Protein backbone atom coordinates (compact mmCIF):
# COMPACT_ATOMS: atom_id res chain seq x y z
CA UNK A 1 26.33 21.31 -17.45
CA UNK A 2 27.92 24.73 -16.01
CA UNK A 3 29.10 24.56 -12.57
CA UNK A 4 28.84 27.43 -10.18
CA UNK A 5 32.42 29.29 -8.90
CA UNK A 6 31.50 28.05 -5.62
CA UNK A 7 31.24 24.46 -6.71
CA UNK A 8 34.35 24.73 -8.62
CA UNK A 9 36.33 25.88 -6.01
CA UNK A 10 34.67 23.66 -3.48
CA UNK A 11 35.80 20.60 -5.48
CA UNK A 12 39.43 22.15 -5.51
CA UNK A 13 39.45 22.70 -1.95
CA UNK A 14 38.42 19.08 -0.84
CA UNK A 15 40.54 17.50 -3.50
CA UNK A 16 43.76 17.78 -1.48
CA UNK A 17 43.39 16.05 1.84
CA UNK A 18 46.59 17.09 3.36
CA UNK A 19 45.29 20.81 3.33
CA UNK A 20 42.25 20.24 5.15
CA UNK A 21 43.42 21.21 8.41
CA UNK A 22 44.67 24.65 7.46
CA UNK A 23 40.67 25.55 5.79
CA UNK A 24 38.46 23.67 8.42
CA UNK A 25 39.12 25.60 11.12
CA UNK A 26 38.42 29.01 9.05
CA UNK A 27 35.20 27.49 6.80
CA UNK A 28 32.12 29.76 7.60
CA UNK A 29 28.83 27.77 8.09
CA UNK A 30 26.85 28.85 4.98
CA UNK A 31 29.83 26.84 2.94
CA UNK A 32 29.53 23.50 4.77
CA UNK A 33 27.04 22.32 2.46
CA UNK A 34 28.92 23.07 -1.15
CA UNK A 35 31.77 21.40 0.73
CA UNK A 36 30.39 18.50 1.47
CA UNK A 37 28.18 18.17 -2.02
CA UNK A 38 31.74 18.18 -3.45
CA UNK A 39 33.74 15.78 -1.21
CA UNK A 40 30.78 13.55 -2.11
CA UNK A 41 30.85 13.92 -6.01
CA UNK A 42 34.39 13.38 -6.05
CA UNK A 43 34.69 10.48 -3.70
CA UNK A 44 36.41 11.97 -0.83
CA UNK A 45 35.60 10.34 2.55
CA UNK A 46 38.10 11.80 4.44
CA UNK A 47 37.02 14.91 3.48
CA UNK A 48 33.17 13.70 4.01
CA UNK A 49 34.39 12.44 7.34
CA UNK A 50 35.30 16.04 9.23
CA UNK A 51 33.08 18.17 7.79
CA UNK A 52 29.96 16.04 8.62
CA UNK A 53 31.65 15.91 12.51
CA UNK A 54 32.20 19.67 12.69
CA UNK A 55 28.47 20.00 10.91
CA UNK A 56 27.39 23.02 12.35
CA UNK A 57 23.60 22.93 11.63
CA UNK A 58 21.14 21.10 13.21
CA UNK A 59 20.12 19.03 10.09
CA UNK A 60 21.92 17.58 7.64
CA UNK A 61 20.02 15.92 4.60
CA UNK A 62 22.02 13.62 2.50
CA UNK A 63 20.19 11.98 -0.40
CA UNK A 64 17.16 12.78 -1.95
CA UNK A 65 15.81 12.40 -5.52
CA UNK A 66 19.07 12.63 -8.03
CA UNK A 67 19.27 14.88 -11.25
CA UNK A 68 19.64 13.28 -14.42
CA UNK A 69 22.96 11.69 -14.75
CA UNK A 70 23.82 12.43 -11.12
CA UNK A 71 25.13 9.07 -9.51
CA UNK A 72 24.53 8.04 -5.41
CA UNK A 73 27.11 8.29 -3.39
CA UNK A 74 29.69 5.63 -3.13
CA UNK A 75 29.89 3.19 -0.37
CA UNK A 76 32.98 4.69 1.37
CA UNK A 77 31.69 8.27 1.67
CA UNK A 78 28.80 6.86 3.41
CA UNK A 79 30.09 4.70 5.75
CA UNK A 80 32.59 8.07 6.58
CA UNK A 81 29.88 9.84 7.11
CA UNK A 82 27.97 7.70 9.96
CA UNK A 83 31.06 7.06 11.24
CA UNK A 84 31.34 10.57 11.74
CA UNK A 85 27.91 10.91 13.22
CA UNK A 86 28.86 8.85 15.59
CA UNK A 87 32.40 10.51 16.33
CA UNK A 88 30.37 13.90 16.67
CA UNK A 89 28.40 12.78 19.63
CA UNK A 90 31.53 12.76 21.68
CA UNK A 91 32.33 16.45 20.38
CA UNK A 92 29.01 17.34 21.27
CA UNK A 93 28.28 18.37 17.64
CA UNK A 94 24.98 20.81 16.77
CA UNK A 95 23.92 17.93 14.28
CA UNK A 96 20.28 16.87 15.82
CA UNK A 97 19.00 15.17 12.82
CA UNK A 98 20.42 13.07 10.02
CA UNK A 99 17.96 12.49 7.16
CA UNK A 100 19.48 10.10 4.40
CA UNK A 101 16.12 9.35 3.02
CA UNK A 102 16.62 8.34 -0.51
CA UNK A 103 20.30 7.79 -0.41
CA UNK A 104 20.64 4.32 -1.46
CA UNK A 105 21.62 3.34 -4.89
CA UNK A 106 21.41 0.56 -7.07
CA UNK A 107 23.87 -2.06 -5.73
CA UNK A 108 27.07 -2.73 -7.80
CA UNK A 109 25.98 0.61 -9.98
CA UNK A 110 28.30 2.91 -11.06
CA UNK A 111 30.69 4.24 -8.24
CA UNK A 112 30.10 1.55 -5.93
CA UNK A 113 27.06 2.95 -4.09
CA UNK A 114 25.61 1.20 -1.31
CA UNK A 115 22.22 -0.36 -2.09
CA UNK A 116 19.12 -0.28 0.15
CA UNK A 117 19.72 -3.41 2.08
CA UNK A 118 23.62 -2.54 3.00
CA UNK A 119 22.64 1.24 4.06
CA UNK A 120 19.76 -0.64 6.60
CA UNK A 121 22.50 -2.67 8.67
CA UNK A 122 24.84 0.04 8.10
CA UNK A 123 22.13 2.31 10.11
CA UNK A 124 21.50 -0.27 12.53
CA UNK A 125 24.92 -1.22 13.24
CA UNK A 126 25.77 2.96 13.81
CA UNK A 127 22.85 3.29 16.21
CA UNK A 128 23.69 0.12 18.54
CA UNK A 129 27.42 0.95 18.30
CA UNK A 130 26.81 5.07 19.50
CA UNK A 131 24.63 3.01 22.71
CA UNK A 132 27.56 1.00 23.48
CA UNK A 133 30.12 3.97 23.17
CA UNK A 134 27.43 6.15 24.92
CA UNK A 135 27.73 3.09 28.02
CA UNK A 136 31.64 3.40 28.01
CA UNK A 137 31.42 6.84 27.99
CA UNK A 138 28.69 6.87 31.12
CA UNK A 139 30.92 4.73 32.81
CA UNK A 140 33.88 6.78 32.60
CA UNK A 141 31.95 9.79 33.96
CA UNK A 142 30.73 7.44 36.48
CA UNK A 143 34.15 6.58 37.39
CA UNK A 144 35.01 10.28 37.62
CA UNK A 145 32.07 11.30 39.91
CA UNK A 146 32.46 8.42 42.60
CA UNK A 147 36.17 9.75 42.50
CA UNK A 148 34.99 13.28 43.29
CA UNK A 149 32.36 12.24 45.91
CA UNK A 150 34.85 9.77 47.45
CA UNK A 151 37.29 12.76 47.94
CA UNK A 152 33.89 15.03 49.54
CA UNK A 153 33.40 12.35 51.63
CA UNK A 154 36.78 11.88 52.98
CA UNK A 155 36.88 15.78 53.29
CA UNK A 156 34.01 15.98 55.39
CA UNK A 157 35.22 12.97 57.74
CA UNK A 158 38.64 15.14 58.30
CA UNK A 159 36.24 18.41 59.18
CA UNK A 160 33.94 16.10 61.82
CA UNK A 161 37.04 14.92 63.21
CA UNK A 162 38.61 17.93 63.97
CA UNK A 163 34.91 19.28 65.21
CA UNK A 164 35.21 16.34 67.63
CA UNK A 165 38.69 17.73 69.26
CA UNK A 166 37.04 20.85 69.42
CA UNK A 167 34.79 22.11 72.58
CA UNK A 168 30.86 21.60 72.26
CA UNK A 169 30.16 25.33 71.36
CA UNK A 170 33.22 25.15 68.53
CA UNK A 171 31.30 21.98 67.80
CA UNK A 172 27.85 23.41 67.51
CA UNK A 173 29.34 26.27 65.64
CA UNK A 174 30.71 24.24 62.95
CA UNK A 175 27.81 21.92 62.28
CA UNK A 176 25.60 25.00 61.78
CA UNK A 177 28.03 26.46 59.44
CA UNK A 178 28.53 23.23 57.47
CA UNK A 179 24.77 23.49 57.44
CA UNK A 180 24.67 26.66 55.79
CA UNK A 181 26.73 25.84 53.17
CA UNK A 182 24.91 22.58 52.36
CA UNK A 183 22.02 24.79 51.74
CA UNK A 184 23.88 27.69 49.70
CA UNK A 185 25.40 24.93 47.31
CA UNK A 186 24.50 25.10 44.13
CA UNK A 187 25.33 21.30 43.28
CA UNK A 188 23.71 18.40 45.53
CA UNK A 189 25.26 15.08 45.88
CA UNK A 190 22.90 13.45 43.62
CA UNK A 191 23.83 15.83 40.96
CA UNK A 192 27.33 15.03 41.28
CA UNK A 193 26.87 11.90 40.85
CA UNK A 194 24.55 11.91 37.86
CA UNK A 195 26.15 14.44 35.88
CA UNK A 196 25.20 17.21 34.22
CA UNK A 197 24.47 15.38 31.45
CA UNK A 198 22.05 12.91 33.69
CA UNK A 199 20.88 16.60 35.29
CA UNK A 200 19.27 17.74 31.87
CA UNK A 201 17.46 14.04 31.23
CA UNK A 202 15.91 14.62 34.32
CA UNK A 203 14.99 18.26 33.40
CA UNK A 204 13.54 16.96 30.33
CA UNK A 205 11.63 14.11 31.78
CA UNK A 206 9.55 16.41 34.26
CA UNK A 207 8.82 18.86 31.14
CA UNK A 208 7.56 15.71 29.46
CA UNK A 209 5.40 14.82 32.61
CA UNK A 210 4.02 18.26 32.78
CA UNK A 211 3.20 18.64 29.11
CA UNK A 212 1.93 14.58 28.78
CA UNK A 213 -1.09 14.97 30.25
CA UNK A 214 -1.98 17.69 27.47
CA UNK A 215 -1.24 15.04 24.47
CA UNK A 216 -2.16 12.14 23.45
CA UNK A 217 -0.94 9.26 24.82
CA UNK A 218 1.29 8.17 21.78
CA UNK A 219 2.78 11.29 21.43
CA UNK A 220 3.77 10.88 25.31
CA UNK A 221 5.38 7.44 24.90
CA UNK A 222 7.29 8.85 21.80
CA UNK A 223 8.39 11.89 23.75
CA UNK A 224 9.57 9.53 26.83
CA UNK A 225 11.37 7.11 24.23
CA UNK A 226 13.28 10.26 23.21
CA UNK A 227 15.14 10.89 26.41
CA UNK A 228 18.65 11.35 26.00
CA UNK A 229 18.49 10.91 22.43
CA UNK A 230 20.92 13.28 20.76
CA UNK A 231 20.76 12.62 16.81
CA UNK A 232 17.58 11.59 15.01
CA UNK A 233 18.42 9.46 12.27
CA UNK A 234 15.76 9.37 9.58
CA UNK A 235 15.96 6.88 6.53
CA UNK A 236 14.51 4.28 4.33
CA UNK A 237 14.52 0.87 6.14
CA UNK A 238 14.73 -2.60 4.21
CA UNK A 239 14.08 -5.39 5.88
CA UNK A 240 14.30 -9.61 4.89
CA UNK A 241 15.25 -12.48 6.65
CA UNK A 242 18.56 -11.53 7.13
CA UNK A 243 18.70 -8.43 8.24
CA UNK A 244 15.51 -8.65 10.34
CA UNK A 245 17.28 -9.23 13.96
CA UNK A 246 19.67 -6.30 13.56
CA UNK A 247 16.57 -3.77 12.50
CA UNK A 248 14.77 -4.73 15.43
CA UNK A 249 17.65 -4.72 17.86
CA UNK A 250 18.31 -0.94 16.43
CA UNK A 251 14.57 -0.08 16.45
CA UNK A 252 14.35 -1.21 19.95
CA UNK A 253 17.52 0.10 21.40
CA UNK A 254 17.63 3.45 23.58
CA UNK A 255 20.65 5.32 23.04
CA UNK A 256 22.09 8.77 21.76
CA UNK A 257 21.02 8.12 17.97
CA UNK A 258 17.56 7.44 17.45
CA UNK A 259 16.05 5.26 13.88
CA UNK A 260 13.66 6.94 12.65
CA UNK A 261 11.69 5.14 9.23
CA UNK A 262 9.90 6.83 6.41
CA UNK A 263 9.60 3.88 4.13
CA UNK A 264 9.53 0.64 5.27
CA UNK A 265 9.94 -2.33 2.52
CA UNK A 266 9.93 -5.57 3.86
CA UNK A 267 10.37 -9.10 1.76
CA UNK A 268 9.87 -12.55 2.66
CA UNK A 269 9.39 -12.42 6.31
CA UNK A 270 6.19 -13.55 8.24
CA UNK A 271 2.86 -11.55 9.58
CA UNK A 272 4.45 -11.93 12.99
CA UNK A 273 7.66 -10.54 12.26
CA UNK A 274 6.07 -7.42 10.28
CA UNK A 275 3.72 -6.79 13.15
CA UNK A 276 6.92 -6.84 15.64
CA UNK A 277 8.63 -4.02 13.34
CA UNK A 278 5.13 -2.07 13.20
CA UNK A 279 4.90 -1.94 16.70
CA UNK A 280 8.54 -0.73 17.14
CA UNK A 281 8.59 1.95 14.24
CA UNK A 282 7.94 5.46 15.92
CA UNK A 283 4.23 6.53 15.00
CA UNK A 284 4.75 10.08 13.12
CA UNK A 285 7.72 9.11 10.99
CA UNK A 286 5.98 6.20 8.72
CA UNK A 287 4.75 7.90 5.27
CA UNK A 288 4.79 4.26 3.47
CA UNK A 289 4.92 0.55 3.95
CA UNK A 290 6.02 -1.87 0.84
CA UNK A 291 5.73 -5.53 1.81
CA UNK A 292 6.79 -8.31 -1.09
CA UNK A 293 6.80 -11.94 -1.85
CA UNK A 294 5.37 -12.16 1.60
CA UNK A 295 2.95 -14.89 2.16
CA UNK A 296 0.33 -12.72 4.16
CA UNK A 297 -2.54 -14.17 3.25
CA UNK A 298 -6.42 -12.67 3.71
CA UNK A 299 -6.23 -13.21 7.64
CA UNK A 300 -2.75 -11.95 7.88
CA UNK A 301 -3.69 -8.60 5.58
CA UNK A 302 -6.69 -7.78 7.55
CA UNK A 303 -4.50 -8.70 11.19
CA UNK A 304 -2.06 -5.89 9.74
CA UNK A 305 -4.02 -3.42 8.39
CA UNK A 306 -5.22 -2.14 12.09
CA UNK A 307 -1.94 -1.63 13.20
CA UNK A 308 -1.17 0.41 10.09
CA UNK A 309 -4.09 2.98 11.32
CA UNK A 310 -1.69 3.96 14.21
CA UNK A 311 0.50 5.71 11.54
CA UNK A 312 -0.92 8.92 11.19
CA UNK A 313 0.85 10.37 8.10
CA UNK A 314 0.89 6.86 6.24
CA UNK A 315 0.19 7.47 2.97
CA UNK A 316 1.22 4.83 0.84
CA UNK A 317 0.48 1.14 0.65
CA UNK A 318 2.20 -1.38 -1.60
CA UNK A 319 1.77 -5.12 -1.82
CA UNK A 320 3.57 -7.30 -4.28
CA UNK A 321 2.99 -11.10 -4.68
CA UNK A 322 1.93 -11.55 -0.89
CA UNK A 323 -0.19 -14.68 -1.78
CA UNK A 324 -4.08 -13.05 -1.47
CA UNK A 325 -6.96 -15.22 -3.37
CA UNK A 326 -10.55 -13.59 -2.21
CA UNK A 327 -13.18 -15.98 -3.59
CA UNK A 328 -16.93 -15.48 -2.61
CA UNK A 329 -17.44 -19.21 -2.70
CA UNK A 330 -14.53 -19.99 -0.22
CA UNK A 331 -16.27 -20.81 3.61
CA UNK A 332 -15.68 -17.10 5.74
CA UNK A 333 -14.75 -15.19 2.92
CA UNK A 334 -17.51 -12.55 2.99
CA UNK A 335 -16.12 -11.81 7.07
CA UNK A 336 -12.43 -11.29 5.87
CA UNK A 337 -13.82 -8.91 3.28
CA UNK A 338 -15.61 -6.85 5.73
CA UNK A 339 -12.36 -6.77 7.95
CA UNK A 340 -10.10 -5.92 5.13
CA UNK A 341 -12.32 -3.15 4.14
CA UNK A 342 -12.93 -1.94 7.67
CA UNK A 343 -9.23 -1.82 8.05
CA UNK A 344 -8.61 0.25 5.24
CA UNK A 345 -11.45 2.82 5.53
CA UNK A 346 -9.28 3.52 9.13
CA UNK A 347 -6.18 4.77 6.75
CA UNK A 348 -7.38 8.31 6.94
CA UNK A 349 -4.35 9.33 5.05
CA UNK A 350 -4.17 6.97 1.93
CA UNK A 351 -3.31 8.21 -1.01
CA UNK A 352 -1.41 5.54 -2.90
CA UNK A 353 -2.42 1.84 -3.06
CA UNK A 354 -0.12 -0.32 -5.42
CA UNK A 355 -2.18 -4.02 -5.30
CA UNK A 356 0.35 -6.20 -7.57
CA UNK A 357 -0.77 -9.63 -8.54
CA UNK A 358 -3.20 -10.59 -5.39
CA UNK A 359 -5.75 -12.29 -7.54
CA UNK A 360 -8.82 -9.79 -6.56
CA UNK A 361 -11.04 -10.50 -9.40
CA UNK A 362 -14.74 -8.84 -8.85
CA UNK A 363 -13.15 -7.41 -5.24
CA UNK A 364 -12.50 -4.13 -6.46
CA UNK A 365 -15.36 -2.14 -4.96
CA UNK A 366 -14.99 -3.59 -1.63
CA UNK A 367 -11.51 -2.56 -1.58
CA UNK A 368 -11.87 0.92 -2.73
CA UNK A 369 -15.16 2.01 -1.94
CA UNK A 370 -14.36 2.01 1.90
CA UNK A 371 -10.92 4.34 1.44
CA UNK A 372 -11.91 8.13 2.98
CA UNK A 373 -9.93 9.93 0.64
CA UNK A 374 -9.45 9.72 -3.23
CA UNK A 375 -6.24 8.26 -4.72
CA UNK A 376 -3.65 9.96 -6.68
CA UNK A 377 -1.69 7.01 -7.11
CA UNK A 378 -3.56 3.57 -8.24
CA UNK A 379 -1.60 0.98 -9.52
CA UNK A 380 -3.18 -2.92 -10.35
CA UNK A 381 -1.05 -4.87 -12.61
CA UNK A 382 -2.07 -8.73 -12.73
CA UNK A 383 -4.85 -8.44 -10.75
CA UNK A 384 -7.07 -9.98 -12.82
CA UNK A 385 -9.85 -7.22 -13.31
CA UNK A 386 -13.22 -7.77 -14.26
CA UNK A 387 -15.59 -6.32 -16.13
CA UNK A 388 -17.37 -4.95 -12.96
CA UNK A 389 -14.32 -4.38 -11.52
CA UNK A 390 -13.33 -1.52 -14.28
CA UNK A 391 -16.85 -0.35 -14.44
CA UNK A 392 -16.85 0.43 -10.66
CA UNK A 393 -13.50 2.32 -11.01
CA UNK A 394 -14.28 4.72 -14.05
CA UNK A 395 -17.12 5.87 -11.69
CA UNK A 396 -15.46 5.73 -8.35
CA UNK A 397 -14.70 8.93 -6.54
CA UNK A 398 -10.58 8.32 -6.86
CA UNK A 399 -10.99 8.52 -10.81
CA UNK A 400 -10.96 12.69 -11.03
CA UNK A 401 -8.12 12.85 -8.91
CA UNK A 402 -5.66 10.10 -10.10
CA UNK A 403 -2.41 11.03 -11.03
CA UNK A 404 -0.94 7.64 -11.85
CA UNK A 405 -2.78 5.03 -13.16
CA UNK A 406 -1.30 1.29 -13.58
CA UNK A 407 -3.72 -1.35 -15.45
CA UNK A 408 -0.80 -3.31 -16.88
CA UNK A 409 -1.35 -7.33 -17.78
CA UNK A 410 -4.83 -6.69 -16.97
CA UNK A 411 -7.00 -8.02 -20.59
CA UNK A 412 -9.30 -5.67 -22.07
CA UNK A 413 -11.59 -6.49 -24.63
CA UNK A 414 -15.06 -4.90 -26.19
CA UNK A 415 -17.03 -5.21 -23.25
CA UNK A 416 -13.94 -3.30 -20.71
CA UNK A 417 -13.62 -0.45 -23.56
CA UNK A 418 -16.32 1.56 -22.68
CA UNK A 419 -15.43 1.48 -19.10
CA UNK A 420 -11.55 2.46 -19.92
CA UNK A 421 -12.89 5.69 -22.19
CA UNK A 422 -15.11 6.78 -19.58
CA UNK A 423 -12.73 6.41 -17.03
CA UNK A 424 -10.20 8.32 -19.03
CA UNK A 425 -12.72 11.01 -19.99
CA UNK A 426 -13.22 11.67 -16.16
CA UNK A 427 -9.27 11.63 -15.45
CA UNK A 428 -8.18 13.84 -18.18
CA UNK A 429 -7.76 17.01 -16.05
CA UNK A 430 -5.73 14.95 -13.46
CA UNK A 431 -3.65 12.12 -14.89
CA UNK A 432 -0.30 12.48 -15.96
CA UNK A 433 1.18 8.95 -15.56
CA UNK A 434 -0.61 5.81 -17.55
CA UNK A 435 0.37 2.34 -18.47
CA UNK A 436 -1.85 -0.19 -20.54
CA UNK A 437 0.51 -2.78 -21.03
CA UNK A 438 0.20 -6.40 -21.78
CA UNK A 439 -3.73 -5.78 -22.21
CA UNK A 440 -3.76 -7.80 -25.25
CA UNK A 441 -4.57 -4.04 -27.02
CA UNK A 442 -5.32 -4.41 -31.18
CA UNK A 443 -5.13 -2.26 -33.76
CA UNK A 444 -9.07 -2.18 -33.39
CA UNK A 445 -9.20 -1.62 -29.65
CA UNK A 446 -6.14 1.15 -29.60
CA UNK A 447 -8.46 2.90 -32.20
CA UNK A 448 -11.54 2.56 -30.28
CA UNK A 449 -9.52 4.60 -27.07
CA UNK A 450 -7.24 6.68 -29.50
CA UNK A 451 -10.20 9.56 -29.23
CA UNK A 452 -10.33 9.51 -25.23
CA UNK A 453 -6.26 8.87 -24.84
CA UNK A 454 -5.92 12.46 -26.84
CA UNK A 455 -8.15 13.96 -24.70
CA UNK A 456 -5.86 13.43 -21.83
CA UNK A 457 -4.15 16.76 -21.87
CA UNK A 458 -2.25 16.17 -18.56
CA UNK A 459 -0.76 13.02 -19.47
CA UNK A 460 3.05 12.86 -19.43
CA UNK A 461 3.89 9.05 -19.59
CA UNK A 462 1.84 6.48 -21.38
CA UNK A 463 3.15 2.88 -21.56
CA UNK A 464 1.56 0.91 -24.09
CA UNK A 465 4.74 -2.26 -24.24
CA UNK A 466 3.69 -5.76 -25.06
CA UNK A 467 0.23 -5.33 -26.95
CA UNK A 468 -0.17 -7.02 -30.57
CA UNK A 469 -0.21 -3.73 -32.90
CA UNK A 470 1.46 -3.59 -36.34
CA UNK A 471 3.42 -0.78 -37.76
CA UNK A 472 0.00 0.74 -38.94
CA UNK A 473 -1.42 1.03 -35.57
CA UNK A 474 1.90 2.53 -34.00
CA UNK A 475 1.49 5.27 -37.03
CA UNK A 476 -2.42 6.13 -35.92
CA UNK A 477 -0.92 6.23 -32.06
CA UNK A 478 1.94 8.42 -33.10
CA UNK A 479 -0.48 10.87 -34.64
CA UNK A 480 -2.55 10.79 -31.60
CA UNK A 481 0.27 11.39 -29.05
CA UNK A 482 1.72 14.09 -30.97
CA UNK A 483 -1.67 16.20 -30.42
CA UNK A 484 -1.04 15.63 -26.85
CA UNK A 485 0.51 18.89 -25.55
CA UNK A 486 2.00 17.64 -22.33
CA UNK A 487 3.16 14.05 -23.47
CA UNK A 488 6.60 13.66 -23.09
CA UNK A 489 7.44 10.18 -23.08
CA UNK A 490 6.05 6.98 -24.44
CA UNK A 491 7.01 3.43 -24.74
CA UNK A 492 5.70 1.38 -27.37
CA UNK A 493 5.42 -2.08 -28.37
CA UNK A 494 7.58 -3.80 -30.84
CA UNK A 495 4.99 -4.18 -34.29
CA UNK A 496 3.94 -7.54 -35.30
CA UNK A 497 5.91 -7.74 -38.33
CA UNK A 498 9.34 -7.32 -36.27
CA UNK A 499 9.26 -10.58 -35.00
CA UNK A 500 10.26 -14.57 -36.22
CA UNK A 501 7.54 -15.93 -38.36
CA UNK A 502 5.22 -18.41 -36.40
CA UNK A 503 3.61 -15.60 -34.08
CA UNK A 504 0.04 -16.60 -33.09
CA UNK A 505 -2.48 -14.24 -34.93
CA UNK A 506 -3.46 -12.85 -31.14
CA UNK A 507 -0.33 -13.28 -29.07
CA UNK A 508 -0.37 -12.94 -25.36
CA UNK A 509 1.97 -10.44 -23.55
CA UNK A 510 4.07 -13.38 -22.52
CA UNK A 511 4.06 -14.79 -26.17
CA UNK A 512 5.47 -11.49 -27.43
CA UNK A 513 8.30 -11.02 -24.30
CA UNK A 514 9.30 -14.61 -25.27
CA UNK A 515 9.43 -14.11 -28.96
CA UNK A 516 12.49 -13.65 -30.71
CA UNK A 517 12.88 -10.69 -33.14
CA UNK A 518 13.60 -10.93 -36.87
CA UNK A 519 17.21 -10.12 -36.71
CA UNK A 520 16.98 -9.76 -41.05
CA UNK A 521 14.99 -6.61 -40.48
CA UNK A 522 16.65 -3.48 -39.47
CA UNK A 523 15.62 -2.59 -35.91
CA UNK A 524 15.95 1.41 -36.63
CA UNK A 525 12.91 0.80 -39.30
CA UNK A 526 10.20 1.35 -36.99
CA UNK A 527 11.81 3.81 -34.76
CA UNK A 528 12.40 6.25 -38.01
CA UNK A 529 9.19 5.44 -39.23
CA UNK A 530 7.56 6.81 -35.81
CA UNK A 531 9.98 9.53 -35.55
CA UNK A 532 9.11 10.85 -38.94
CA UNK A 533 5.58 11.31 -38.36
CA UNK A 534 6.48 12.97 -35.10
CA UNK A 535 8.59 15.32 -36.89
CA UNK A 536 6.03 15.85 -39.60
CA UNK A 537 3.53 17.02 -36.62
CA UNK A 538 6.14 19.21 -35.44
CA UNK A 539 7.37 17.74 -31.94
CA UNK A 540 10.71 17.62 -30.94
CA UNK A 541 9.91 17.30 -27.03
CA UNK A 542 8.42 13.34 -26.87
CA UNK A 543 10.86 10.68 -26.27
CA UNK A 544 9.88 7.59 -27.84
CA UNK A 545 11.50 4.26 -26.74
CA UNK A 546 10.20 0.04 -27.17
CA UNK A 547 12.89 -0.81 -24.06
CA UNK A 548 10.84 -2.04 -21.49
CA UNK A 549 14.02 -3.00 -19.48
CA UNK A 550 14.85 0.74 -19.17
CA UNK A 551 11.53 2.47 -19.31
CA UNK A 552 11.34 5.09 -16.38
CA UNK A 553 8.02 7.48 -16.26
CA UNK A 554 10.54 9.45 -13.56
CA UNK A 555 12.30 11.17 -16.57
CA UNK A 556 9.81 13.12 -17.21
CA UNK A 557 8.93 14.59 -13.88
């Protein structure tokens, strides 16, 4: 990787912290970004803190999507960053927006990054500590103002006593002079007590009151909540039972720092707690919500959906293992289905929907038909989709707009293959990522789909792991993949010949995952054979892998 001259010089500058007092005062604002990036890359927490505390711009974005091979910032650098933001409040820094969305890494990863759960606790702690520091500063300012006011009162008393000793005429003249002086004075008693910062808050409050009648009630409430906020902190919030109270406290805290949530991920907390979080979150910041391992039940989900409609920019909803079980034979189930459909119909900007292991056979039409906009990302793994579900999906208003589709672990057979072929034909010009892992595709079923797969000319990644295919079936797959111009990543299953004897003739995905491979067979035999098929076809830009655990479709984006 070739580094620019600016980056190389920035790395050299931040490497010696003892020289920072020399160069910090002379750094132009255009170089702060390069120096901060170098400080993160070289793990220089002291340099990170000094740069952030003096940040010259209104916005600081740290995080986002990392390049291939780029590691997440270390825990020490992140802690130094957050501490510097709090210190900068007292120094009247220019910073107004701190964006750390995507800053989290994998706990225990290379370079000791800070995971999403730890970063959430650190952000919430920073918000609470900033409020406590602001209270201490306000008390000190209040003490100084009270002393100043007391001095003015004593001076007035002395003047009043001198006026009483003078004649009536002089007394009146003195009072007249004081009235004129008071009317011309640019600072009133109340303003002296409240101070300059309080005066600015009052002016902002008057501006909100004037313009609030023109905007919506939500906008007015959010503007009122921003009184006294110096820095908006935007991040992805991870909440579980242990961090719930800390997050609730930070979101309900009004101080110089305000926490904004871009994506909310909650695990193993109750519907009541999730509802409380949604009521505390700023309305216009939330883009997505991910609920995992929480026993929502159908009634709980129906209760939460109306709350989600209050977030106008919400475009992603993910529900994983949330204990939904919709069956028409249950008493009152029809009413619950109508509530779910009505709640989904109010999500005007929803573009990404992920439903994992929710036990919804035969209900896909009820859930998807009510969505006002076509989806771009649809993930339905472990959903026990019925032939009627797949038939509806292949003809729905979503299929022609899909960029990503995950049907993993839904059993496919001869009755569902026509629906899958129709779906692939309708999505051929848009679909970029497709997963059919664990769908029970045999050589024969895959052969019936190859022509439709080959027609998906926009497809970038294809996942077919844990399907009972032989080497001959994989070779047919490779020949089709070689003719797909945009395909860059293919996850293929281990062929049946690579397993130890005793595997059933049509094994399930669980059996293929747990059954041991035959150690007497060279692991490179299959990959070499498939690579030869690609080379003979003139393709060298297609990555082949059978590593299910490390497969990531984003490698090709």
